[in-house]
Amino acid sequence: MNWQKRLWLTIRDFLTYRNSLPKMIPDNEFKSHDDFMFDSRNYYVKGASFNYVISQQMSIAVSKQQGLTNSLRKCPPAVYAYSKQFERALAAQIIMLAPMAPHFSSELWSGFVSAPKRLNNSEEIIWDKAVLDQEWPVVDLDYQLELSFQVNGHENALVKIARKDLENLPKEKALEMALQQKEVQTTLTKRNILDVRYDCHKGFDGILNIITDQPPPKVKEADSV
């Protein structure tokens, strides 16, 4: 399949550029690519993990992983060679593939860990262990997750908040934030709040849903004469 071929090409290029270092690109250009890989890794780890674990929609989990492959393939040689965020994203790509394709992911992992000039010395990647023995990748604590404010299940507003802050955000504070949003205030005009439901899974976006009674019926305009 095309995706399988693109993954092979990514590992091949990774090995090529780690064994024979290419010329470095300007700092501002490198930082742009490095930041892009940080965002891509977190976005697709969040999406793939949610569909693996919470919604259990495997086809969407695959689609999210393919999105991460697209991001990896966009990078120039210098990013393959010198970017820690690229290295982290490629590791996450292979680990997330393992439940669906253990043999293929093991072959990719073998190529990945054989590359010289490693950049990640944390315990996030266990270099001397097989892919099936790796910890599942998680969203970084400083990555901005979404907190959706809904009224009766319909999204009215959205804010970005770091994962470390979202996971410590109590329901009362989330409701206070929701009531400060103009869109929520407008929707709640002439409605009474009946219940508030707060759903926040570790490492994923949060939802605060305000349940109300129905708004009063609109006054019908008098028929024109």
C-alpha atoms as a PDB file:
ATOM      1  CA  MET A   1       0.000   0.000   0.000  1.00  0.00           C
ATOM      2  CA  ASN A   2       1.108   3.589  -0.578  1.00  0.00           C
ATOM      3  CA  TRP A   3       1.243   4.442   3.138  1.00  0.00           C
ATOM      4  CA  GLN A   4       3.506   1.469   3.826  1.00  0.00           C
ATOM      5  CA  LYS A   5       5.857   2.589   1.057  1.00  0.00           C
ATOM      6  CA  ARG A   6       5.982   6.134   2.424  1.00  0.00           C
ATOM      7  CA  LEU A   7       6.871   4.835   5.885  1.00  0.00           C
ATOM      8  CA  TRP A   8       9.703   2.760   4.417  1.00  0.00           C
ATOM      9  CA  LEU A   9      10.957   5.820   2.546  1.00  0.00           C
ATOM     10  CA  THR A  10      10.863   7.870   5.740  1.00  0.00           C
ATOM     11  CA  ILE A  11      13.016   5.343   7.605  1.00  0.00           C
ATOM     12  CA  ARG A  12      15.369   5.089   4.637  1.00  0.00           C
ATOM     13  CA  ASP A  13      15.786   8.862   4.505  1.00  0.00           C
ATOM     14  CA  PHE A  14      16.191   9.044   8.285  1.00  0.00           C
ATOM     15  CA  LEU A  15      19.051   6.542   8.142  1.00  0.00           C
ATOM     16  CA  THR A  16      20.625   8.312   5.168  1.00  0.00           C
ATOM     17  CA  TYR A  17      20.667  11.744   6.799  1.00  0.00           C
ATOM     18  CA  ARG A  18      21.749  10.481  10.223  1.00  0.00           C
ATOM     19  CA  ASN A  19      24.658   8.555   8.700  1.00  0.00           C
ATOM     20  CA  SER A  20      25.735  11.359   6.380  1.00  0.00           C
ATOM     21  CA  LEU A  21      24.776  14.691   7.916  1.00  0.00           C
ATOM     22  CA  PRO A  22      23.431  17.234   5.410  1.00  0.00           C
ATOM     23  CA  LYS A  23      24.116  20.948   5.463  1.00  0.00           C
ATOM     24  CA  MET A  24      22.273  22.822   8.191  1.00  0.00           C
ATOM     25  CA  ILE A  25      19.544  25.268   7.154  1.00  0.00           C
ATOM     26  CA  PRO A  26      19.164  28.817   8.608  1.00  0.00           C
ATOM     27  CA  ASP A  27      18.158  28.897  12.278  1.00  0.00           C
ATOM     28  CA  ASN A  28      14.788  30.555  11.732  1.00  0.00           C
ATOM     29  CA  GLU A  29      13.860  28.042   9.046  1.00  0.00           C
ATOM     30  CA  PHE A  30      14.982  25.123  11.219  1.00  0.00           C
ATOM     31  CA  LYS A  31      12.989  26.419  14.202  1.00  0.00           C
ATOM     32  CA  SER A  32       9.885  26.721  12.031  1.00  0.00           C
ATOM     33  CA  HIS A  33      10.180  23.067  10.988  1.00  0.00           C
ATOM     34  CA  ASP A  34      11.033  21.953  14.530  1.00  0.00           C
ATOM     35  CA  ASP A  35       7.972  23.758  15.942  1.00  0.00           C
ATOM     36  CA  PHE A  36       5.850  22.268  13.166  1.00  0.00           C
ATOM     37  CA  MET A  37       6.955  18.760  14.156  1.00  0.00           C
ATOM     38  CA  PHE A  38       6.220  19.501  17.823  1.00  0.00           C
ATOM     39  CA  ASP A  39       2.684  20.554  16.906  1.00  0.00           C
ATOM     40  CA  SER A  40       2.199  17.688  14.455  1.00  0.00           C
ATOM     41  CA  ARG A  41       3.375  15.048  16.888  1.00  0.00           C
ATOM     42  CA  ASN A  42       1.051  16.274  19.629  1.00  0.00           C
ATOM     43  CA  TYR A  43      -1.928  16.808  17.331  1.00  0.00           C
ATOM     44  CA  TYR A  44      -1.749  13.358  15.773  1.00  0.00           C
ATOM     45  CA  VAL A  45      -0.821  11.537  18.982  1.00  0.00           C
ATOM     46  CA  LYS A  46      -3.898  13.111  20.554  1.00  0.00           C
ATOM     47  CA  GLY A  47      -6.119  12.172  17.612  1.00  0.00           C
ATOM     48  CA  ALA A  48      -4.852   8.635  17.095  1.00  0.00           C
ATOM     49  CA  SER A  49      -4.878   7.842  20.822  1.00  0.00           C
ATOM     50  CA  PHE A  50      -8.415   9.179  21.263  1.00  0.00           C
ATOM     51  CA  ASN A  51      -9.695   6.980  18.459  1.00  0.00           C
ATOM     52  CA  TYR A  52      -7.786   3.951  19.713  1.00  0.00           C
ATOM     53  CA  VAL A  53      -8.858   4.263  23.346  1.00  0.00           C
ATOM     54  CA  ILE A  54     -11.971   6.425  23.735  1.00  0.00           C
ATOM     55  CA  SER A  55     -14.059   6.258  20.548  1.00  0.00           C
ATOM     56  CA  GLN A  56     -12.468   3.009  19.261  1.00  0.00           C
ATOM     57  CA  GLN A  57     -12.824   4.152  15.656  1.00  0.00           C
ATOM     58  CA  MET A  58      -9.893   2.361  14.083  1.00  0.00           C
ATOM     59  CA  SER A  59     -10.329   3.856  10.612  1.00  0.00           C
ATOM     60  CA  ILE A  60      -9.967   7.367  12.040  1.00  0.00           C
ATOM     61  CA  ALA A  61      -6.957   6.264  14.111  1.00  0.00           C
ATOM     62  CA  VAL A  62      -5.324   5.131  10.863  1.00  0.00           C
ATOM     63  CA  SER A  63      -6.212   8.428   9.185  1.00  0.00           C
ATOM     64  CA  LYS A  64      -4.566  10.382  12.024  1.00  0.00           C
ATOM     65  CA  GLN A  65      -1.409   8.299  11.717  1.00  0.00           C
ATOM     66  CA  GLN A  66      -1.319   8.930   7.978  1.00  0.00           C
ATOM     67  CA  GLY A  67      -1.535  12.643   8.753  1.00  0.00           C
ATOM     68  CA  LEU A  68       1.589  12.350  10.895  1.00  0.00           C
ATOM     69  CA  THR A  69       3.370  10.595   8.022  1.00  0.00           C
ATOM     70  CA  ASN A  70       2.463  13.516   5.761  1.00  0.00           C
ATOM     71  CA  SER A  71       4.031  15.936   8.246  1.00  0.00           C
ATOM     72  CA  LEU A  72       7.224  13.888   8.497  1.00  0.00           C
ATOM     73  CA  ARG A  73       7.555  13.666   4.720  1.00  0.00           C
ATOM     74  CA  LYS A  74       7.349  17.458   4.357  1.00  0.00           C
ATOM     75  CA  CYS A  75      10.578  18.020   6.269  1.00  0.00           C
ATOM     76  CA  PRO A  76      13.901  18.847   4.582  1.00  0.00           C
ATOM     77  CA  PRO A  77      17.004  16.673   5.160  1.00  0.00           C
ATOM     78  CA  ALA A  78      18.401  18.940   7.888  1.00  0.00           C
ATOM     79  CA  VAL A  79      15.317  18.338  10.028  1.00  0.00           C
ATOM     80  CA  TYR A  80      15.683  14.559   9.676  1.00  0.00           C
ATOM     81  CA  ALA A  81      19.285  14.933  10.818  1.00  0.00           C
ATOM     82  CA  TYR A  82      19.194  17.554  13.574  1.00  0.00           C
ATOM     83  CA  SER A  83      15.640  17.840  14.947  1.00  0.00           C
ATOM     84  CA  LYS A  84      14.765  16.178  18.244  1.00  0.00           C
ATOM     85  CA  GLN A  85      11.087  16.873  17.565  1.00  0.00           C
ATOM     86  CA  PHE A  86      11.330  14.997  14.267  1.00  0.00           C
ATOM     87  CA  GLU A  87      12.967  12.066  16.061  1.00  0.00           C
ATOM     88  CA  ARG A  88      10.198  12.058  18.692  1.00  0.00           C
ATOM     89  CA  ALA A  89       7.481  12.207  16.044  1.00  0.00           C
ATOM     90  CA  LEU A  90       8.973   9.359  14.025  1.00  0.00           C
ATOM     91  CA  ALA A  91       9.228   7.205  17.154  1.00  0.00           C
ATOM     92  CA  ALA A  92       5.589   7.973  18.009  1.00  0.00           C
ATOM     93  CA  GLN A  93       4.563   7.103  14.456  1.00  0.00           C
ATOM     94  CA  ILE A  94       6.073   3.621  14.673  1.00  0.00           C
ATOM     95  CA  ILE A  95       4.831   2.924  18.218  1.00  0.00           C
ATOM     96  CA  MET A  96       1.234   3.888  17.354  1.00  0.00           C
ATOM     97  CA  LEU A  97       1.315   1.608  14.325  1.00  0.00           C
ATOM     98  CA  ALA A  98       2.370  -1.412  16.413  1.00  0.00           C
ATOM     99  CA  PRO A  99      -1.089  -2.554  17.643  1.00  0.00           C
ATOM    100  CA  MET A 100      -2.355  -2.782  14.056  1.00  0.00           C
ATOM    101  CA  ALA A 101       0.788  -4.003  12.305  1.00  0.00           C
ATOM    102  CA  PRO A 102       3.205  -5.479  14.873  1.00  0.00           C
ATOM    103  CA  HIS A 103       5.540  -7.180  12.382  1.00  0.00           C
ATOM    104  CA  PHE A 104       5.796  -4.197  10.039  1.00  0.00           C
ATOM    105  CA  SER A 105       6.271  -1.746  12.905  1.00  0.00           C
ATOM    106  CA  SER A 106       8.985  -3.994  14.373  1.00  0.00           C
ATOM    107  CA  GLU A 107      10.896  -3.815  11.097  1.00  0.00           C
ATOM    108  CA  LEU A 108      10.523  -0.025  10.995  1.00  0.00           C
ATOM    109  CA  TRP A 109      11.666   0.199  14.618  1.00  0.00           C
ATOM    110  CA  SER A 110      14.729  -1.901  13.912  1.00  0.00           C
ATOM    111  CA  GLY A 111      15.757   0.604  11.249  1.00  0.00           C
ATOM    112  CA  PHE A 112      14.913   3.574  13.470  1.00  0.00           C
ATOM    113  CA  VAL A 113      17.021   2.493  16.461  1.00  0.00           C
ATOM    114  CA  SER A 114      19.971   1.567  14.229  1.00  0.00           C
ATOM    115  CA  ALA A 115      20.442   5.203  13.211  1.00  0.00           C
ATOM    116  CA  PRO A 116      23.439   6.985  14.769  1.00  0.00           C
ATOM    117  CA  LYS A 117      23.548  10.448  16.376  1.00  0.00           C
ATOM    118  CA  ARG A 118      20.508  10.028  18.630  1.00  0.00           C
ATOM    119  CA  LEU A 119      19.055  13.231  20.050  1.00  0.00           C
ATOM    120  CA  ASN A 120      16.541  12.006  22.648  1.00  0.00           C
ATOM    121  CA  ASN A 121      18.240  10.843  25.843  1.00  0.00           C
ATOM    122  CA  SER A 122      15.097  10.811  27.990  1.00  0.00           C
ATOM    123  CA  GLU A 123      13.149   7.682  28.922  1.00  0.00           C
ATOM    124  CA  GLU A 124      10.529   8.577  26.325  1.00  0.00           C
ATOM    125  CA  ILE A 125      12.305   6.298  23.845  1.00  0.00           C
ATOM    126  CA  ILE A 126      13.793   3.084  25.237  1.00  0.00           C
ATOM    127  CA  TRP A 127      16.414   2.543  22.573  1.00  0.00           C
ATOM    128  CA  ASP A 128      17.406  -0.978  23.589  1.00  0.00           C
ATOM    129  CA  LYS A 129      13.818  -2.302  23.748  1.00  0.00           C
ATOM    130  CA  ALA A 130      11.519  -3.578  20.997  1.00  0.00           C
ATOM    131  CA  VAL A 131       8.689  -1.415  19.686  1.00  0.00           C
ATOM    132  CA  LEU A 132       6.088  -3.483  21.549  1.00  0.00           C
ATOM    133  CA  ASP A 133       7.917  -2.730  24.815  1.00  0.00           C
ATOM    134  CA  GLN A 134       7.772   1.059  24.367  1.00  0.00           C
ATOM    135  CA  GLU A 135       5.556   3.371  26.393  1.00  0.00           C
ATOM    136  CA  TRP A 136       2.600   4.739  24.449  1.00  0.00           C
ATOM    137  CA  PRO A 137       3.307   8.322  23.290  1.00  0.00           C
ATOM    138  CA  VAL A 138       1.449  11.058  25.134  1.00  0.00           C
ATOM    139  CA  VAL A 139       0.671  14.711  24.522  1.00  0.00           C
ATOM    140  CA  ASP A 140       3.259  17.101  25.966  1.00  0.00           C
ATOM    141  CA  LEU A 141       2.198  18.955  29.105  1.00  0.00           C
ATOM    142  CA  ASP A 142       2.766  22.376  27.519  1.00  0.00           C
ATOM    143  CA  TYR A 143       0.829  21.547  24.334  1.00  0.00           C
ATOM    144  CA  GLN A 144      -2.332  23.605  23.900  1.00  0.00           C
ATOM    145  CA  LEU A 145      -5.465  21.450  24.064  1.00  0.00           C
ATOM    146  CA  GLU A 146      -9.001  22.610  23.294  1.00  0.00           C
ATOM    147  CA  LEU A 147     -11.722  23.248  25.845  1.00  0.00           C
ATOM    148  CA  SER A 148     -15.097  23.363  24.128  1.00  0.00           C
ATOM    149  CA  PHE A 149     -18.011  25.219  25.674  1.00  0.00           C
ATOM    150  CA  GLN A 150     -21.373  23.810  24.611  1.00  0.00           C
ATOM    151  CA  VAL A 151     -24.988  24.641  25.314  1.00  0.00           C
ATOM    152  CA  ASN A 152     -27.283  21.633  24.951  1.00  0.00           C
ATOM    153  CA  GLY A 153     -24.604  19.806  22.974  1.00  0.00           C
ATOM    154  CA  HIS A 154     -23.939  22.600  20.480  1.00  0.00           C
ATOM    155  CA  GLU A 155     -20.520  24.248  20.567  1.00  0.00           C
ATOM    156  CA  ASN A 156     -20.679  27.960  21.305  1.00  0.00           C
ATOM    157  CA  ALA A 157     -17.052  28.801  22.049  1.00  0.00           C
ATOM    158  CA  LEU A 158     -13.597  27.257  22.180  1.00  0.00           C
ATOM    159  CA  VAL A 159     -10.460  28.161  24.124  1.00  0.00           C
ATOM    160  CA  LYS A 160      -6.921  26.797  24.044  1.00  0.00           C
ATOM    161  CA  ILE A 161      -5.309  25.739  27.294  1.00  0.00           C
ATOM    162  CA  ALA A 162      -2.090  23.858  28.094  1.00  0.00           C
ATOM    163  CA  ARG A 163      -2.580  20.195  28.944  1.00  0.00           C
ATOM    164  CA  LYS A 164      -1.021  20.633  32.407  1.00  0.00           C
ATOM    165  CA  ASP A 165      -3.561  23.363  33.195  1.00  0.00           C
ATOM    166  CA  LEU A 166      -6.574  21.657  31.625  1.00  0.00           C
ATOM    167  CA  GLU A 167      -6.057  18.479  33.625  1.00  0.00           C
ATOM    168  CA  ASN A 168      -6.074  20.506  36.855  1.00  0.00           C
ATOM    169  CA  LEU A 169      -9.055  22.652  35.884  1.00  0.00           C
ATOM    170  CA  PRO A 170     -12.036  22.008  38.189  1.00  0.00           C
ATOM    171  CA  LYS A 171     -15.573  21.958  36.864  1.00  0.00           C
ATOM    172  CA  GLU A 172     -16.456  25.184  38.688  1.00  0.00           C
ATOM    173  CA  LYS A 173     -13.585  27.093  37.080  1.00  0.00           C
ATOM    174  CA  ALA A 174     -14.423  25.679  33.641  1.00  0.00           C
ATOM    175  CA  LEU A 175     -18.016  26.875  34.057  1.00  0.00           C
ATOM    176  CA  GLU A 176     -16.790  30.300  35.131  1.00  0.00           C
ATOM    177  CA  MET A 177     -14.679  30.494  31.968  1.00  0.00           C
ATOM    178  CA  ALA A 178     -17.647  29.426  29.843  1.00  0.00           C
ATOM    179  CA  LEU A 179     -19.888  32.115  31.286  1.00  0.00           C
ATOM    180  CA  GLN A 180     -17.298  34.746  30.342  1.00  0.00           C
ATOM    181  CA  GLN A 181     -17.637  33.894  26.641  1.00  0.00           C
ATOM    182  CA  LYS A 182     -19.925  36.287  24.759  1.00  0.00           C
ATOM    183  CA  GLU A 183     -21.265  33.513  22.538  1.00  0.00           C
ATOM    184  CA  VAL A 184     -22.302  31.499  25.590  1.00  0.00           C
ATOM    185  CA  GLN A 185     -23.809  34.550  27.272  1.00  0.00           C
ATOM    186  CA  THR A 186     -25.925  35.271  24.195  1.00  0.00           C
ATOM    187  CA  THR A 187     -27.178  31.695  23.961  1.00  0.00           C
ATOM    188  CA  LEU A 188     -28.104  31.606  27.655  1.00  0.00           C
ATOM    189  CA  THR A 189     -30.252  34.733  27.404  1.00  0.00           C
ATOM    190  CA  LYS A 190     -33.749  33.856  28.704  1.00  0.00           C
ATOM    191  CA  ARG A 191     -32.675  30.282  29.506  1.00  0.00           C
ATOM    192  CA  ASN A 192     -32.249  28.613  32.884  1.00  0.00           C
ATOM    193  CA  ILE A 193     -29.280  26.331  33.534  1.00  0.00           C
ATOM    194  CA  LEU A 194     -30.477  22.883  34.607  1.00  0.00           C
ATOM    195  CA  ASP A 195     -27.211  20.945  34.673  1.00  0.00           C
ATOM    196  CA  VAL A 196     -23.526  21.202  33.775  1.00  0.00           C
ATOM    197  CA  ARG A 197     -21.544  18.241  32.446  1.00  0.00           C
ATOM    198  CA  TYR A 198     -17.759  18.354  32.341  1.00  0.00           C
ATOM    199  CA  ASP A 199     -15.795  15.746  30.401  1.00  0.00           C
ATOM    200  CA  CYS A 200     -11.997  15.879  30.416  1.00  0.00           C
ATOM    201  CA  HIS A 201      -9.935  12.761  29.689  1.00  0.00           C
ATOM    202  CA  LYS A 202      -6.225  12.880  30.515  1.00  0.00           C
ATOM    203  CA  GLY A 203      -4.262  13.992  27.465  1.00  0.00           C
ATOM    204  CA  PHE A 204      -7.316  14.889  25.394  1.00  0.00           C
ATOM    205  CA  ASP A 205      -9.522  17.920  24.731  1.00  0.00           C
ATOM    206  CA  GLY A 206     -12.172  18.890  27.270  1.00  0.00           C
ATOM    207  CA  ILE A 207     -15.893  19.580  26.887  1.00  0.00           C
ATOM    208  CA  LEU A 208     -18.132  21.562  29.200  1.00  0.00           C
ATOM    209  CA  ASN A 209     -21.788  21.152  28.238  1.00  0.00           C
ATOM    210  CA  ILE A 210     -24.389  23.448  29.799  1.00  0.00           C
ATOM    211  CA  ILE A 211     -27.859  21.898  29.835  1.00  0.00           C
ATOM    212  CA  THR A 212     -30.741  24.395  29.853  1.00  0.00           C
ATOM    213  CA  ASP A 213     -34.482  24.504  29.546  1.00  0.00           C
ATOM    214  CA  GLN A 214     -35.881  25.546  26.209  1.00  0.00           C
ATOM    215  CA  PRO A 215     -36.054  29.256  25.397  1.00  0.00           C
ATOM    216  CA  PRO A 216     -39.479  30.890  25.507  1.00  0.00           C
ATOM    217  CA  PRO A 217     -41.392  30.673  22.230  1.00  0.00           C
ATOM    218  CA  LYS A 218     -41.019  33.574  19.857  1.00  0.00           C
ATOM    219  CA  VAL A 219     -43.905  36.014  19.753  1.00  0.00           C
ATOM    220  CA  LYS A 220     -45.616  35.709  16.391  1.00  0.00           C
ATOM    221  CA  GLU A 221     -45.841  38.923  14.457  1.00  0.00           C
ATOM    222  CA  ALA A 222     -49.347  40.150  13.765  1.00  0.00           C
ATOM    223  CA  ASP A 223     -50.532  39.266  10.284  1.00  0.00           C
ATOM    224  CA  SER A 224     -50.211  42.183   7.966  1.00  0.00           C
ATOM    225  CA  VAL A 225     -53.480  43.637   6.801  1.00  0.00           C
END
